């Protein structure tokens, strides 16, 4: 009985999906999907962080997602407001 329980737990652990962001591929503010591209908040945050890094600000997309104040300050200094479009709804 205990052996079956361990086997079931191992099988369940192996079947669990990877973290959600492990396989997300972005093209600018668009997430690349098998069916095409879709604008997503995740990719918008990654794009905003990439634009900030290109201007010398050391920031990650994860930091942008976790700190709304950081996102707001980056958006305030952004020339391209399309990366900040979802900020009003966050």
PDB file of N, CA and C in Angstrom:
ATOM      1  N   UNK A   1       0.823  -1.197   0.000  1.00  0.00           N
ATOM      2  CA  UNK A   1       0.000   0.000   0.000  1.00  0.00           C
ATOM      3  C   UNK A   1       0.865   1.258   0.000  1.00  0.00           C
ATOM      4  N   UNK A   2       1.885   1.305   0.866  1.00  0.00           N
ATOM      5  CA  UNK A   2       2.760   2.468   0.961  1.00  0.00           C
ATOM      6  C   UNK A   2       3.560   2.644  -0.326  1.00  0.00           C
ATOM      7  N   UNK A   3       3.956   1.521  -0.940  1.00  0.00           N
ATOM      8  CA  UNK A   3       4.703   1.581  -2.185  1.00  0.00           C
ATOM      9  C   UNK A   3       3.846   2.201  -3.293  1.00  0.00           C
ATOM     10  N   UNK A   4       2.578   1.841  -3.331  1.00  0.00           N
ATOM     11  CA  UNK A   4       1.669   2.405  -4.325  1.00  0.00           C
ATOM     12  C   UNK A   4       1.477   3.903  -4.116  1.00  0.00           C
ATOM     13  N   UNK A   5       1.404   4.317  -2.848  1.00  0.00           N
ATOM     14  CA  UNK A   5       1.247   5.730  -2.537  1.00  0.00           C
ATOM     15  C   UNK A   5       2.469   6.515  -3.008  1.00  0.00           C
ATOM     16  N   UNK A   6       3.665   5.998  -2.732  1.00  0.00           N
ATOM     17  CA  UNK A   6       4.896   6.672  -3.187  1.00  0.00           C
ATOM     18  C   UNK A   6       4.964   6.732  -4.699  1.00  0.00           C
ATOM     19  N   UNK A   7       4.574   5.661  -5.352  1.00  0.00           N
ATOM     20  CA  UNK A   7       4.582   5.625  -6.803  1.00  0.00           C
ATOM     21  C   UNK A   7       3.606   6.654  -7.381  1.00  0.00           C
ATOM     22  N   UNK A   8       2.434   6.771  -6.773  1.00  0.00           N
ATOM     23  CA  UNK A   8       1.444   7.760  -7.215  1.00  0.00           C
ATOM     24  C   UNK A   8       1.953   9.180  -7.004  1.00  0.00           C
ATOM     25  N   UNK A   9       2.616   9.419  -5.865  1.00  0.00           N
ATOM     26  CA  UNK A   9       3.152  10.753  -5.591  1.00  0.00           C
ATOM     27  C   UNK A   9       4.251  11.105  -6.584  1.00  0.00           C
ATOM     28  N   UNK A  10       5.108  10.144  -6.907  1.00  0.00           N
ATOM     29  CA  UNK A  10       6.169  10.380  -7.877  1.00  0.00           C
ATOM     30  C   UNK A  10       5.576  10.670  -9.253  1.00  0.00           C
ATOM     31  N   UNK A  11       4.584   9.903  -9.643  1.00  0.00           N
ATOM     32  CA  UNK A  11       3.942  10.121 -10.944  1.00  0.00           C
ATOM     33  C   UNK A  11       3.280  11.492 -11.003  1.00  0.00           C
ATOM     34  N   UNK A  12       2.649  11.898  -9.908  1.00  0.00           N
ATOM     35  CA  UNK A  12       2.000  13.218  -9.872  1.00  0.00           C
ATOM     36  C   UNK A  12       3.036  14.329  -9.958  1.00  0.00           C
ATOM     37  N   UNK A  13       4.160  14.163  -9.288  1.00  0.00           N
ATOM     38  CA  UNK A  13       5.208  15.187  -9.329  1.00  0.00           C
ATOM     39  C   UNK A  13       5.791  15.314 -10.727  1.00  0.00           C
ATOM     40  N   UNK A  14       5.951  14.205 -11.411  1.00  0.00           N
ATOM     41  CA  UNK A  14       6.497  14.247 -12.773  1.00  0.00           C
ATOM     42  C   UNK A  14       5.499  14.830 -13.767  1.00  0.00           C
ATOM     43  N   UNK A  15       4.210  14.699 -13.459  1.00  0.00           N
ATOM     44  CA  UNK A  15       3.174  15.186 -14.368  1.00  0.00           C
ATOM     45  C   UNK A  15       2.887  16.674 -14.197  1.00  0.00           C
ATOM     46  N   UNK A  16       3.377  17.274 -13.106  1.00  0.00           N
ATOM     47  CA  UNK A  16       3.102  18.694 -12.885  1.00  0.00           C
ATOM     48  C   UNK A  16       3.770  19.534 -13.964  1.00  0.00           C
ATOM     49  N   UNK A  17       3.091  20.562 -14.428  1.00  0.00           N
ATOM     50  CA  UNK A  17       3.683  21.417 -15.456  1.00  0.00           C
ATOM     51  C   UNK A  17       4.803  22.275 -14.879  1.00  0.00           C
ATOM     52  N   UNK A  18       5.649  22.751 -15.759  1.00  0.00           N
ATOM     53  CA  UNK A  18       6.724  23.666 -15.373  1.00  0.00           C
ATOM     54  C   UNK A  18       6.097  25.002 -14.965  1.00  0.00           C
ATOM     55  N   UNK A  19       6.860  25.885 -14.319  1.00  0.00           N
ATOM     56  CA  UNK A  19       6.318  27.202 -13.983  1.00  0.00           C
ATOM     57  C   UNK A  19       5.748  27.886 -15.218  1.00  0.00           C
ATOM     58  N   UNK A  20       4.725  28.693 -15.004  1.00  0.00           N
ATOM     59  CA  UNK A  20       3.989  29.294 -16.116  1.00  0.00           C
ATOM     60  C   UNK A  20       4.868  30.099 -17.057  1.00  0.00           C
ATOM     61  N   UNK A  21       5.860  30.787 -16.542  1.00  0.00           N
ATOM     62  CA  UNK A  21       6.660  31.643 -17.406  1.00  0.00           C
ATOM     63  C   UNK A  21       7.850  30.934 -18.032  1.00  0.00           C
ATOM     64  N   UNK A  22       8.011  29.620 -17.775  1.00  0.00           N
ATOM     65  CA  UNK A  22       9.172  28.902 -18.280  1.00  0.00           C
ATOM     66  C   UNK A  22       9.162  28.768 -19.802  1.00  0.00           C
ATOM     67  N   UNK A  23       8.012  28.759 -20.415  1.00  0.00           N
ATOM     68  CA  UNK A  23       7.941  28.520 -21.848  1.00  0.00           C
ATOM     69  C   UNK A  23       7.290  29.664 -22.618  1.00  0.00           C
ATOM     70  N   UNK A  24       7.185  30.810 -22.027  1.00  0.00           N
ATOM     71  CA  UNK A  24       6.547  31.934 -22.706  1.00  0.00           C
ATOM     72  C   UNK A  24       7.569  32.604 -23.615  1.00  0.00           C
ATOM     73  N   UNK A  25       7.219  32.736 -24.866  1.00  0.00           N
ATOM     74  CA  UNK A  25       8.070  33.388 -25.850  1.00  0.00           C
ATOM     75  C   UNK A  25       7.374  34.674 -26.290  1.00  0.00           C
ATOM     76  N   UNK A  26       8.088  35.780 -26.160  1.00  0.00           N
ATOM     77  CA  UNK A  26       7.514  37.075 -26.519  1.00  0.00           C
ATOM     78  C   UNK A  26       8.169  37.639 -27.768  1.00  0.00           C
ATOM     79  N   UNK A  27       7.377  38.349 -28.531  1.00  0.00           N
ATOM     80  CA  UNK A  27       7.841  39.133 -29.676  1.00  0.00           C
ATOM     81  C   UNK A  27       7.334  40.546 -29.410  1.00  0.00           C
ATOM     82  N   UNK A  28       8.171  41.349 -28.753  1.00  0.00           N
ATOM     83  CA  UNK A  28       7.711  42.669 -28.318  1.00  0.00           C
ATOM     84  C   UNK A  28       6.672  42.494 -27.228  1.00  0.00           C
ATOM     85  N   UNK A  29       5.521  43.108 -27.393  1.00  0.00           N
ATOM     86  CA  UNK A  29       4.454  42.991 -26.395  1.00  0.00           C
ATOM     87  C   UNK A  29       3.522  41.813 -26.681  1.00  0.00           C
ATOM     88  N   UNK A  30       3.859  41.015 -27.679  1.00  0.00           N
ATOM     89  CA  UNK A  30       3.005  39.902 -28.091  1.00  0.00           C
ATOM     90  C   UNK A  30       3.594  38.565 -27.672  1.00  0.00           C
ATOM     91  N   UNK A  31       2.736  37.692 -27.137  1.00  0.00           N
ATOM     92  CA  UNK A  31       3.136  36.330 -26.821  1.00  0.00           C
ATOM     93  C   UNK A  31       2.977  35.495 -28.080  1.00  0.00           C
ATOM     94  N   UNK A  32       4.008  34.723 -28.395  1.00  0.00           N
ATOM     95  CA  UNK A  32       3.984  33.868 -29.572  1.00  0.00           C
ATOM     96  C   UNK A  32       3.303  32.559 -29.192  1.00  0.00           C
ATOM     97  N   UNK A  33       2.208  32.263 -29.881  1.00  0.00           N
ATOM     98  CA  UNK A  33       1.417  31.062 -29.646  1.00  0.00           C
ATOM     99  C   UNK A  33       1.413  30.211 -30.914  1.00  0.00           C
ATOM    100  N   UNK A  34       1.083  28.942 -30.814  1.00  0.00           N
ATOM    101  CA  UNK A  34       1.006  28.106 -32.018  1.00  0.00           C
ATOM    102  C   UNK A  34       0.000  28.644 -33.038  1.00  0.00           C
ATOM    103  N   UNK A  35      -1.012  29.369 -32.571  1.00  0.00           N
ATOM    104  CA  UNK A  35      -2.052  29.880 -33.467  1.00  0.00           C
ATOM    105  C   UNK A  35      -1.800  31.308 -33.929  1.00  0.00           C
ATOM    106  N   UNK A  36      -0.725  31.922 -33.468  1.00  0.00           N
ATOM    107  CA  UNK A  36      -0.428  33.307 -33.847  1.00  0.00           C
ATOM    108  C   UNK A  36       0.167  34.056 -32.671  1.00  0.00           C
ATOM    109  N   UNK A  37      -0.073  35.352 -32.623  1.00  0.00           N
ATOM    110  CA  UNK A  37       0.457  36.185 -31.552  1.00  0.00           C
ATOM    111  C   UNK A  37      -0.684  36.891 -30.834  1.00  0.00           C
ATOM    112  N   UNK A  38      -0.489  37.067 -29.527  1.00  0.00           N
ATOM    113  CA  UNK A  38      -1.505  37.688 -28.692  1.00  0.00           C
ATOM    114  C   UNK A  38      -0.826  38.647 -27.735  1.00  0.00           C
ATOM    115  N   UNK A  39      -1.315  39.865 -27.653  1.00  0.00           N
ATOM    116  CA  UNK A  39      -0.767  40.832 -26.711  1.00  0.00           C
ATOM    117  C   UNK A  39      -1.147  40.411 -25.293  1.00  0.00           C
ATOM    118  N   UNK A  40      -0.137  40.250 -24.432  1.00  0.00           N
ATOM    119  CA  UNK A  40      -0.392  39.810 -23.062  1.00  0.00           C
ATOM    120  C   UNK A  40       0.308  40.739 -22.072  1.00  0.00           C
ATOM    121  N   UNK A  41      -0.235  40.873 -20.858  1.00  0.00           N
ATOM    122  CA  UNK A  41       0.417  41.698 -19.835  1.00  0.00           C
ATOM    123  C   UNK A  41       1.831  41.212 -19.518  1.00  0.00           C
ATOM    124  N   UNK A  42       2.046  39.897 -19.525  1.00  0.00           N
ATOM    125  CA  UNK A  42       3.379  39.349 -19.253  1.00  0.00           C
ATOM    126  C   UNK A  42       4.395  39.892 -20.261  1.00  0.00           C
ATOM    127  N   UNK A  43       4.080  39.793 -21.542  1.00  0.00           N
ATOM    128  CA  UNK A  43       5.002  40.256 -22.578  1.00  0.00           C
ATOM    129  C   UNK A  43       5.122  41.780 -22.577  1.00  0.00           C
ATOM    130  N   UNK A  44       4.050  42.476 -22.229  1.00  0.00           N
ATOM    131  CA  UNK A  44       4.131  43.933 -22.124  1.00  0.00           C
ATOM    132  C   UNK A  44       5.117  44.332 -21.032  1.00  0.00           C
ATOM    133  N   UNK A  45       5.081  43.627 -19.905  1.00  0.00           N
ATOM    134  CA  UNK A  45       6.013  43.918 -18.814  1.00  0.00           C
ATOM    135  C   UNK A  45       7.448  43.580 -19.213  1.00  0.00           C
ATOM    136  N   UNK A  46       7.631  42.457 -19.888  1.00  0.00           N
ATOM    137  CA  UNK A  46       8.965  42.083 -20.359  1.00  0.00           C
ATOM    138  C   UNK A  46       9.496  43.125 -21.348  1.00  0.00           C
ATOM    139  N   UNK A  47       8.638  43.590 -22.244  1.00  0.00           N
ATOM    140  CA  UNK A  47       9.043  44.581 -23.235  1.00  0.00           C
ATOM    141  C   UNK A  47       9.396  45.906 -22.559  1.00  0.00           C
ATOM    142  N   UNK A  48       8.604  46.307 -21.579  1.00  0.00           N
ATOM    143  CA  UNK A  48       8.882  47.541 -20.846  1.00  0.00           C
ATOM    144  C   UNK A  48      10.228  47.440 -20.128  1.00  0.00           C
ATOM    145  N   UNK A  49      10.493  46.290 -19.504  1.00  0.00           N
ATOM    146  CA  UNK A  49      11.774  46.095 -18.822  1.00  0.00           C
ATOM    147  C   UNK A  49      12.931  46.119 -19.825  1.00  0.00           C
ATOM    148  N   UNK A  50      12.737  45.503 -20.978  1.00  0.00           N
ATOM    149  CA  UNK A  50      13.793  45.487 -21.999  1.00  0.00           C
ATOM    150  C   UNK A  50      14.078  46.901 -22.490  1.00  0.00           C
ATOM    151  N   UNK A  51      13.039  47.695 -22.694  1.00  0.00           N
ATOM    152  CA  UNK A  51      13.226  49.086 -23.134  1.00  0.00           C
ATOM    153  C   UNK A  51      13.952  49.895 -22.066  1.00  0.00           C
ATOM    154  N   UNK A  52      13.613  49.647 -20.805  1.00  0.00           N
ATOM    155  CA  UNK A  52      14.285  50.351 -19.708  1.00  0.00           C
ATOM    156  C   UNK A  52      15.757  49.947 -19.637  1.00  0.00           C
ATOM    157  N   UNK A  53      16.035  48.648 -19.832  1.00  0.00           N
ATOM    158  CA  UNK A  53      17.426  48.195 -19.829  1.00  0.00           C
ATOM    159  C   UNK A  53      18.221  48.827 -20.956  1.00  0.00           C
ATOM    160  N   UNK A  54      17.574  49.012 -22.110  1.00  0.00           N
ATOM    161  CA  UNK A  54      18.276  49.626 -23.238  1.00  0.00           C
ATOM    162  C   UNK A  54      18.625  51.087 -22.966  1.00  0.00           C
ATOM    163  N   UNK A  55      17.951  51.683 -21.979  1.00  0.00           N
ATOM    164  CA  UNK A  55      18.236  53.066 -21.589  1.00  0.00           C
ATOM    165  C   UNK A  55      19.095  53.126 -20.326  1.00  0.00           C
ATOM    166  N   UNK A  56      19.633  51.968 -19.910  1.00  0.00           N
ATOM    167  CA  UNK A  56      20.551  51.936 -18.785  1.00  0.00           C
ATOM    168  C   UNK A  56      19.955  51.652 -17.426  1.00  0.00           C
ATOM    169  N   UNK A  57      18.665  51.338 -17.363  1.00  0.00           N
ATOM    170  CA  UNK A  57      18.021  51.032 -16.079  1.00  0.00           C
ATOM    171  C   UNK A  57      18.091  49.521 -15.862  1.00  0.00           C
ATOM    172  N   UNK A  58      18.680  49.101 -14.746  1.00  0.00           N
ATOM    173  CA  UNK A  58      18.792  47.676 -14.438  1.00  0.00           C
ATOM    174  C   UNK A  58      17.482  47.187 -13.825  1.00  0.00           C
ATOM    175  N   UNK A  59      16.651  46.557 -14.634  1.00  0.00           N
ATOM    176  CA  UNK A  59      15.338  46.090 -14.176  1.00  0.00           C
ATOM    177  C   UNK A  59      14.983  44.813 -14.925  1.00  0.00           C
ATOM    178  N   UNK A  60      14.218  43.959 -14.274  1.00  0.00           N
ATOM    179  CA  UNK A  60      13.749  42.730 -14.907  1.00  0.00           C
ATOM    180  C   UNK A  60      12.239  42.806 -15.109  1.00  0.00           C
ATOM    181  N   UNK A  61      11.740  41.961 -15.989  1.00  0.00           N
ATOM    182  CA  UNK A  61      10.295  41.888 -16.193  1.00  0.00           C
ATOM    183  C   UNK A  61       9.579  41.447 -14.929  1.00  0.00           C
ATOM    184  N   UNK A  62      10.204  40.558 -14.164  1.00  0.00           N
ATOM    185  CA  UNK A  62       9.618  40.101 -12.909  1.00  0.00           C
ATOM    186  C   UNK A  62       9.468  41.259 -11.926  1.00  0.00           C
ATOM    187  N   UNK A  63      10.473  42.125 -11.863  1.00  0.00           N
ATOM    188  CA  UNK A  63      10.400  43.286 -10.968  1.00  0.00           C
ATOM    189  C   UNK A  63       9.270  44.225 -11.395  1.00  0.00           C
ATOM    190  N   UNK A  64       9.090  44.383 -12.693  1.00  0.00           N
ATOM    191  CA  UNK A  64       8.014  45.249 -13.207  1.00  0.00           C
ATOM    192  C   UNK A  64       6.660  44.680 -12.793  1.00  0.00           C
ATOM    193  N   UNK A  65       6.509  43.354 -12.884  1.00  0.00           N
ATOM    194  CA  UNK A  65       5.234  42.728 -12.513  1.00  0.00           C
ATOM    195  C   UNK A  65       4.969  42.805 -11.016  1.00  0.00           C
ATOM    196  N   UNK A  66       5.988  42.688 -10.198  1.00  0.00           N
ATOM    197  CA  UNK A  66       5.812  42.630  -8.742  1.00  0.00           C
ATOM    198  C   UNK A  66       5.677  43.999  -8.078  1.00  0.00           C
ATOM    199  N   UNK A  67       6.126  45.058  -8.748  1.00  0.00           N
ATOM    200  CA  UNK A  67       6.137  46.383  -8.132  1.00  0.00           C
ATOM    201  C   UNK A  67       5.406  47.399  -9.016  1.00  0.00           C
ATOM    202  N   UNK A  68       4.118  47.614  -8.768  1.00  0.00           N
ATOM    203  CA  UNK A  68       3.334  48.547  -9.578  1.00  0.00           C
ATOM    204  C   UNK A  68       3.929  49.952  -9.607  1.00  0.00           C
ATOM    205  N   UNK A  69       4.541  50.387  -8.520  1.00  0.00           N
ATOM    206  CA  UNK A  69       5.152  51.716  -8.485  1.00  0.00           C
ATOM    207  C   UNK A  69       6.320  51.821  -9.456  1.00  0.00           C
ATOM    208  N   UNK A  70       7.112  50.750  -9.546  1.00  0.00           N
ATOM    209  CA  UNK A  70       8.226  50.708 -10.497  1.00  0.00           C
ATOM    210  C   UNK A  70       7.684  50.774 -11.921  1.00  0.00           C
ATOM    211  N   UNK A  71       6.638  50.003 -12.175  1.00  0.00           N
ATOM    212  CA  UNK A  71       6.032  49.998 -13.505  1.00  0.00           C
ATOM    213  C   UNK A  71       5.508  51.390 -13.849  1.00  0.00           C
ATOM    214  N   UNK A  72       4.873  52.034 -12.898  1.00  0.00           N
ATOM    215  CA  UNK A  72       4.331  53.378 -13.139  1.00  0.00           C
ATOM    216  C   UNK A  72       5.450  54.369 -13.443  1.00  0.00           C
ATOM    217  N   UNK A  73       6.563  54.269 -12.712  1.00  0.00           N
ATOM    218  CA  UNK A  73       7.658  55.211 -12.964  1.00  0.00           C
ATOM    219  C   UNK A  73       8.321  54.942 -14.305  1.00  0.00           C
ATOM    220  N   UNK A  74       8.434  53.677 -14.697  1.00  0.00           N
ATOM    221  CA  UNK A  74       8.993  53.364 -16.016  1.00  0.00           C
ATOM    222  C   UNK A  74       8.056  53.841 -17.127  1.00  0.00           C
ATOM    223  N   UNK A  75       6.758  53.692 -16.905  1.00  0.00           N
ATOM    224  CA  UNK A  75       5.782  54.143 -17.901  1.00  0.00           C
ATOM    225  C   UNK A  75       5.790  55.662 -18.022  1.00  0.00           C
ATOM    226  N   UNK A  76       5.983  56.342 -16.904  1.00  0.00           N
ATOM    227  CA  UNK A  76       6.007  57.804 -16.928  1.00  0.00           C
ATOM    228  C   UNK A  76       7.181  58.308 -17.766  1.00  0.00           C
ATOM    229  N   UNK A  77       8.284  57.568 -17.762  1.00  0.00           N
ATOM    230  CA  UNK A  77       9.451  57.973 -18.531  1.00  0.00           C
ATOM    231  C   UNK A  77       9.525  57.345 -19.905  1.00  0.00           C
ATOM    232  N   UNK A  78       8.510  56.568 -20.273  1.00  0.00           N
ATOM    233  CA  UNK A  78       8.536  55.853 -21.548  1.00  0.00           C
ATOM    234  C   UNK A  78       8.071  56.729 -22.702  1.00  0.00           C
ATOM    235  N   UNK A  79       8.800  56.647 -23.804  1.00  0.00           N
ATOM    236  CA  UNK A  79       8.388  57.352 -25.021  1.00  0.00           C
ATOM    237  C   UNK A  79       7.294  56.576 -25.754  1.00  0.00           C
ATOM    238  N   UNK A  80       7.290  55.269 -25.568  1.00  0.00           N
ATOM    239  CA  UNK A  80       6.315  54.402 -26.244  1.00  0.00           C
ATOM    240  C   UNK A  80       5.298  53.920 -25.225  1.00  0.00           C
ATOM    241  N   UNK A  81       4.120  54.485 -25.241  1.00  0.00           N
ATOM    242  CA  UNK A  81       3.118  54.149 -24.235  1.00  0.00           C
ATOM    243  C   UNK A  81       2.381  52.841 -24.524  1.00  0.00           C
ATOM    244  N   UNK A  82       2.631  52.195 -25.681  1.00  0.00           N
ATOM    245  CA  UNK A  82       1.951  50.942 -25.968  1.00  0.00           C
ATOM    246  C   UNK A  82       2.348  49.862 -24.968  1.00  0.00           C
ATOM    247  N   UNK A  83       3.589  49.911 -24.447  1.00  0.00           N
ATOM    248  CA  UNK A  83       4.027  48.929 -23.454  1.00  0.00           C
ATOM    249  C   UNK A  83       3.347  49.192 -22.122  1.00  0.00           C
ATOM    250  N   UNK A  84       2.776  50.350 -21.929  1.00  0.00           N
ATOM    251  CA  UNK A  84       2.142  50.723 -20.666  1.00  0.00           C
ATOM    252  C   UNK A  84       0.625  50.679 -20.759  1.00  0.00           C
ATOM    253  N   UNK A  85       0.089  50.221 -21.856  1.00  0.00           N
ATOM    254  CA  UNK A  85      -1.353  50.268 -22.075  1.00  0.00           C
ATOM    255  C   UNK A  85      -2.110  49.486 -21.006  1.00  0.00           C
ATOM    256  N   UNK A  86      -1.545  48.380 -20.536  1.00  0.00           N
ATOM    257  CA  UNK A  86      -2.268  47.568 -19.544  1.00  0.00           C
ATOM    258  C   UNK A  86      -2.143  48.142 -18.140  1.00  0.00           C
ATOM    259  N   UNK A  87      -1.286  49.119 -17.937  1.00  0.00           N
ATOM    260  CA  UNK A  87      -1.074  49.667 -16.598  1.00  0.00           C
ATOM    261  C   UNK A  87      -2.331  50.275 -16.013  1.00  0.00           C
ATOM    262  N   UNK A  88      -3.163  50.832 -16.838  1.00  0.00           N
ATOM    263  CA  UNK A  88      -4.382  51.481 -16.350  1.00  0.00           C
ATOM    264  C   UNK A  88      -5.345  50.445 -15.772  1.00  0.00           C
ATOM    265  N   UNK A  89      -5.242  49.181 -16.242  1.00  0.00           N
ATOM    266  CA  UNK A  89      -6.147  48.134 -15.794  1.00  0.00           C
ATOM    267  C   UNK A  89      -5.542  47.229 -14.738  1.00  0.00           C
ATOM    268  N   UNK A  90      -4.276  47.412 -14.399  1.00  0.00           N
ATOM    269  CA  UNK A  90      -3.597  46.532 -13.434  1.00  0.00           C
ATOM    270  C   UNK A  90      -3.974  46.874 -12.018  1.00  0.00           C
TER     271      UNK A  90
END
